[in-house]
Amino acid sequence: MKTTCVIIVSLAAGLMAGTSVLAQDAKLPPASDKPGVTYAADIKAIFDTSCVKCHSGDKPKAHLHMDTLAGVLKGTKHGKIVTAGDSANSLIVKSIAHALPDRDSWMPPQHNKAGIKDLTPDQIGLIRAWIDQGAK
């Protein structure tokens, strides 16, 4: 009986964990269907409005420069934020879609002093398309 209870509790915990992962994935807006998305033509303006205030200059937050394509692709001192060809697993997408469990990792930060608003689902979808198309 004890073994059966342990198995049932383990299965329930696994299902609950799976549900939370699915809920996080469900938060990601779909990628835009726009072809030929580039950093220069489509993404830079979004980053300039929503990210560059904190992620540029001599002391960018998290050592992340988002004012250039090279800076975005380089990532932070902890690693890359863009996985070219795989937006669903790119840290930047999870962060801007608020699909990370740690709210301190959500970008832009909630209630930030600069008054920067959350990205729209369309903006996130365009960033996803850019990444899925190779992040060029």
C-alpha atoms as a PDB file:
ATOM      1  CA  MET A   1       0.000   0.000   0.000  1.00  0.00           C
ATOM      2  CA  LYS A   2       2.832   2.365   0.902  1.00  0.00           C
ATOM      3  CA  THR A   3       4.516   1.770  -2.479  1.00  0.00           C
ATOM      4  CA  THR A   4       1.243   2.489  -4.291  1.00  0.00           C
ATOM      5  CA  CYS A   5       0.847   5.807  -2.462  1.00  0.00           C
ATOM      6  CA  VAL A   6       4.417   6.822  -3.344  1.00  0.00           C
ATOM      7  CA  ILE A   7       3.796   5.995  -7.012  1.00  0.00           C
ATOM      8  CA  ILE A   8       0.526   7.964  -7.080  1.00  0.00           C
ATOM      9  CA  VAL A   9       2.126  10.984  -5.381  1.00  0.00           C
ATOM     10  CA  SER A  10       5.073  10.814  -7.801  1.00  0.00           C
ATOM     11  CA  LEU A  11       2.755  10.648 -10.810  1.00  0.00           C
ATOM     12  CA  ALA A  12       0.685  13.560  -9.510  1.00  0.00           C
ATOM     13  CA  ALA A  13       3.815  15.637  -8.941  1.00  0.00           C
ATOM     14  CA  GLY A  14       5.022  14.810 -12.445  1.00  0.00           C
ATOM     15  CA  LEU A  15       1.694  15.785 -13.957  1.00  0.00           C
ATOM     16  CA  MET A  16       1.659  19.037 -12.010  1.00  0.00           C
ATOM     17  CA  ALA A  17       5.200  19.821 -13.147  1.00  0.00           C
ATOM     18  CA  GLY A  18       4.203  19.068 -16.721  1.00  0.00           C
ATOM     19  CA  THR A  19       1.193  21.328 -16.407  1.00  0.00           C
ATOM     20  CA  SER A  20       3.360  24.208 -15.213  1.00  0.00           C
ATOM     21  CA  VAL A  21       5.720  23.741 -18.150  1.00  0.00           C
ATOM     22  CA  LEU A  22       2.772  23.700 -20.537  1.00  0.00           C
ATOM     23  CA  ALA A  23       1.357  26.821 -18.905  1.00  0.00           C
ATOM     24  CA  GLN A  24       4.682  28.582 -19.404  1.00  0.00           C
ATOM     25  CA  ASP A  25       4.811  27.522 -23.064  1.00  0.00           C
ATOM     26  CA  ALA A  26       1.216  28.673 -23.506  1.00  0.00           C
ATOM     27  CA  LYS A  27       2.312  32.182 -22.487  1.00  0.00           C
ATOM     28  CA  LEU A  28       4.466  32.518 -25.583  1.00  0.00           C
ATOM     29  CA  PRO A  29       2.698  34.380 -28.359  1.00  0.00           C
ATOM     30  CA  PRO A  30       3.069  32.649 -31.710  1.00  0.00           C
ATOM     31  CA  ALA A  31       5.840  33.719 -34.046  1.00  0.00           C
ATOM     32  CA  SER A  32       4.848  36.242 -36.689  1.00  0.00           C
ATOM     33  CA  ASP A  33       4.420  34.882 -40.193  1.00  0.00           C
ATOM     34  CA  LYS A  34       6.278  37.860 -41.668  1.00  0.00           C
ATOM     35  CA  PRO A  35       9.101  36.652 -43.925  1.00  0.00           C
ATOM     36  CA  GLY A  36      12.605  38.130 -43.977  1.00  0.00           C
ATOM     37  CA  VAL A  37      12.607  39.659 -40.489  1.00  0.00           C
ATOM     38  CA  THR A  38      15.932  41.350 -39.693  1.00  0.00           C
ATOM     39  CA  TYR A  39      17.387  43.107 -36.688  1.00  0.00           C
ATOM     40  CA  ALA A  40      18.004  46.334 -38.605  1.00  0.00           C
ATOM     41  CA  ALA A  41      14.616  46.565 -40.310  1.00  0.00           C
ATOM     42  CA  ASP A  42      12.278  45.111 -37.685  1.00  0.00           C
ATOM     43  CA  ILE A  43      13.800  44.412 -34.281  1.00  0.00           C
ATOM     44  CA  LYS A  44      16.140  47.296 -33.458  1.00  0.00           C
ATOM     45  CA  ALA A  45      13.247  49.763 -33.088  1.00  0.00           C
ATOM     46  CA  ILE A  46      11.536  47.475 -30.551  1.00  0.00           C
ATOM     47  CA  PHE A  47      14.746  47.077 -28.567  1.00  0.00           C
ATOM     48  CA  ASP A  48      15.469  50.811 -28.768  1.00  0.00           C
ATOM     49  CA  THR A  49      12.079  51.548 -27.190  1.00  0.00           C
ATOM     50  CA  SER A  50      11.933  48.729 -24.650  1.00  0.00           C
ATOM     51  CA  CYS A  51      15.463  47.585 -23.815  1.00  0.00           C
ATOM     52  CA  VAL A  52      18.257  49.992 -24.706  1.00  0.00           C
ATOM     53  CA  LYS A  53      17.646  52.415 -21.845  1.00  0.00           C
ATOM     54  CA  CYS A  54      19.039  49.812 -19.426  1.00  0.00           C
ATOM     55  CA  HIS A  55      21.009  47.563 -21.771  1.00  0.00           C
ATOM     56  CA  SER A  56      23.525  49.912 -23.411  1.00  0.00           C
ATOM     57  CA  GLY A  57      26.334  52.265 -22.546  1.00  0.00           C
ATOM     58  CA  ASP A  58      29.348  51.762 -20.317  1.00  0.00           C
ATOM     59  CA  LYS A  59      27.524  49.790 -17.607  1.00  0.00           C
ATOM     60  CA  PRO A  60      24.647  47.885 -19.186  1.00  0.00           C
ATOM     61  CA  LYS A  61      22.484  45.809 -16.862  1.00  0.00           C
ATOM     62  CA  ALA A  62      23.588  42.159 -16.834  1.00  0.00           C
ATOM     63  CA  HIS A  63      26.473  43.205 -19.116  1.00  0.00           C
ATOM     64  CA  LEU A  64      24.005  42.931 -21.998  1.00  0.00           C
ATOM     65  CA  HIS A  65      24.201  45.366 -24.900  1.00  0.00           C
ATOM     66  CA  MET A  66      20.960  45.449 -26.857  1.00  0.00           C
ATOM     67  CA  ASP A  67      21.806  48.478 -28.956  1.00  0.00           C
ATOM     68  CA  THR A  68      23.612  46.379 -31.584  1.00  0.00           C
ATOM     69  CA  LEU A  69      22.994  43.025 -33.228  1.00  0.00           C
ATOM     70  CA  ALA A  70      26.434  41.840 -32.075  1.00  0.00           C
ATOM     71  CA  GLY A  71      25.601  42.770 -28.478  1.00  0.00           C
ATOM     72  CA  VAL A  72      22.298  40.906 -28.518  1.00  0.00           C
ATOM     73  CA  LEU A  73      23.882  37.814 -30.047  1.00  0.00           C
ATOM     74  CA  LYS A  74      26.773  37.917 -27.569  1.00  0.00           C
ATOM     75  CA  GLY A  75      24.364  37.823 -24.644  1.00  0.00           C
ATOM     76  CA  THR A  76      25.121  38.415 -20.997  1.00  0.00           C
ATOM     77  CA  LYS A  77      28.053  37.554 -18.774  1.00  0.00           C
ATOM     78  CA  HIS A  78      26.104  34.369 -18.003  1.00  0.00           C
ATOM     79  CA  GLY A  79      25.501  33.283 -21.602  1.00  0.00           C
ATOM     80  CA  LYS A  80      23.463  33.732 -24.740  1.00  0.00           C
ATOM     81  CA  ILE A  81      19.906  35.045 -24.697  1.00  0.00           C
ATOM     82  CA  VAL A  82      19.132  34.127 -28.320  1.00  0.00           C
ATOM     83  CA  THR A  83      19.143  30.603 -29.699  1.00  0.00           C
ATOM     84  CA  ALA A  84      19.063  31.247 -33.458  1.00  0.00           C
ATOM     85  CA  GLY A  85      16.416  29.093 -35.108  1.00  0.00           C
ATOM     86  CA  ASP A  86      14.686  28.277 -31.798  1.00  0.00           C
ATOM     87  CA  SER A  87      12.710  31.174 -30.351  1.00  0.00           C
ATOM     88  CA  ALA A  88      10.730  29.020 -27.929  1.00  0.00           C
ATOM     89  CA  ASN A  89      13.948  28.120 -26.133  1.00  0.00           C
ATOM     90  CA  SER A  90      15.540  31.559 -26.322  1.00  0.00           C
ATOM     91  CA  LEU A  91      15.904  33.225 -22.945  1.00  0.00           C
ATOM     92  CA  ILE A  92      14.980  36.623 -24.355  1.00  0.00           C
ATOM     93  CA  VAL A  93      11.589  35.348 -25.568  1.00  0.00           C
ATOM     94  CA  LYS A  94      10.791  33.672 -22.263  1.00  0.00           C
ATOM     95  CA  SER A  95      11.833  36.837 -20.447  1.00  0.00           C
ATOM     96  CA  ILE A  96       9.788  39.309 -22.521  1.00  0.00           C
ATOM     97  CA  ALA A  97       6.779  36.957 -22.582  1.00  0.00           C
ATOM     98  CA  HIS A  98       6.939  36.647 -18.793  1.00  0.00           C
ATOM     99  CA  ALA A  99       7.189  32.876 -19.154  1.00  0.00           C
ATOM    100  CA  LEU A 100       9.962  32.493 -16.578  1.00  0.00           C
ATOM    101  CA  PRO A 101       9.080  31.440 -13.039  1.00  0.00           C
ATOM    102  CA  ASP A 102      11.339  34.113 -11.509  1.00  0.00           C
ATOM    103  CA  ARG A 103       9.549  37.453 -11.909  1.00  0.00           C
ATOM    104  CA  ASP A 104      12.879  39.242 -11.406  1.00  0.00           C
ATOM    105  CA  SER A 105      13.879  37.839 -14.810  1.00  0.00           C
ATOM    106  CA  TRP A 106      10.888  39.345 -16.609  1.00  0.00           C
ATOM    107  CA  MET A 107      11.750  42.142 -19.034  1.00  0.00           C
ATOM    108  CA  PRO A 108      11.123  44.923 -18.925  1.00  0.00           C
ATOM    109  CA  PRO A 109      10.886  44.709 -15.140  1.00  0.00           C
ATOM    110  CA  GLN A 110       7.432  45.272 -13.749  1.00  0.00           C
ATOM    111  CA  HIS A 111       6.945  48.717 -12.225  1.00  0.00           C
ATOM    112  CA  ASN A 112      10.292  49.922 -13.606  1.00  0.00           C
ATOM    113  CA  LYS A 113      11.396  53.487 -12.880  1.00  0.00           C
ATOM    114  CA  ALA A 114      11.677  54.301 -16.584  1.00  0.00           C
ATOM    115  CA  GLY A 115       7.988  53.516 -17.141  1.00  0.00           C
ATOM    116  CA  ILE A 116       8.782  51.069 -19.949  1.00  0.00           C
ATOM    117  CA  LYS A 117       5.723  49.047 -20.865  1.00  0.00           C
ATOM    118  CA  ASP A 118       5.588  45.304 -21.534  1.00  0.00           C
ATOM    119  CA  LEU A 119       6.089  44.238 -25.121  1.00  0.00           C
ATOM    120  CA  THR A 120       2.906  43.438 -27.017  1.00  0.00           C
ATOM    121  CA  PRO A 121       2.143  39.939 -28.286  1.00  0.00           C
ATOM    122  CA  ASP A 122       2.754  41.243 -31.838  1.00  0.00           C
ATOM    123  CA  GLN A 123       6.197  42.557 -30.872  1.00  0.00           C
ATOM    124  CA  ILE A 124       7.078  39.282 -29.161  1.00  0.00           C
ATOM    125  CA  GLY A 125       5.807  37.389 -32.220  1.00  0.00           C
ATOM    126  CA  LEU A 126       8.041  39.485 -34.475  1.00  0.00           C
ATOM    127  CA  ILE A 127      11.058  38.820 -32.229  1.00  0.00           C
ATOM    128  CA  ARG A 128      10.205  35.114 -32.324  1.00  0.00           C
ATOM    129  CA  ALA A 129      10.056  35.199 -36.134  1.00  0.00           C
ATOM    130  CA  TRP A 130      13.419  36.994 -36.241  1.00  0.00           C
ATOM    131  CA  ILE A 131      15.018  34.340 -34.043  1.00  0.00           C
ATOM    132  CA  ASP A 132      13.350  31.443 -35.873  1.00  0.00           C
ATOM    133  CA  GLN A 133      14.584  32.872 -39.172  1.00  0.00           C
ATOM    134  CA  GLY A 134      18.176  32.866 -37.944  1.00  0.00           C
ATOM    135  CA  ALA A 135      18.479  36.105 -35.911  1.00  0.00           C
ATOM    136  CA  LYS A 136      20.108  38.147 -38.666  1.00  0.00           C
END
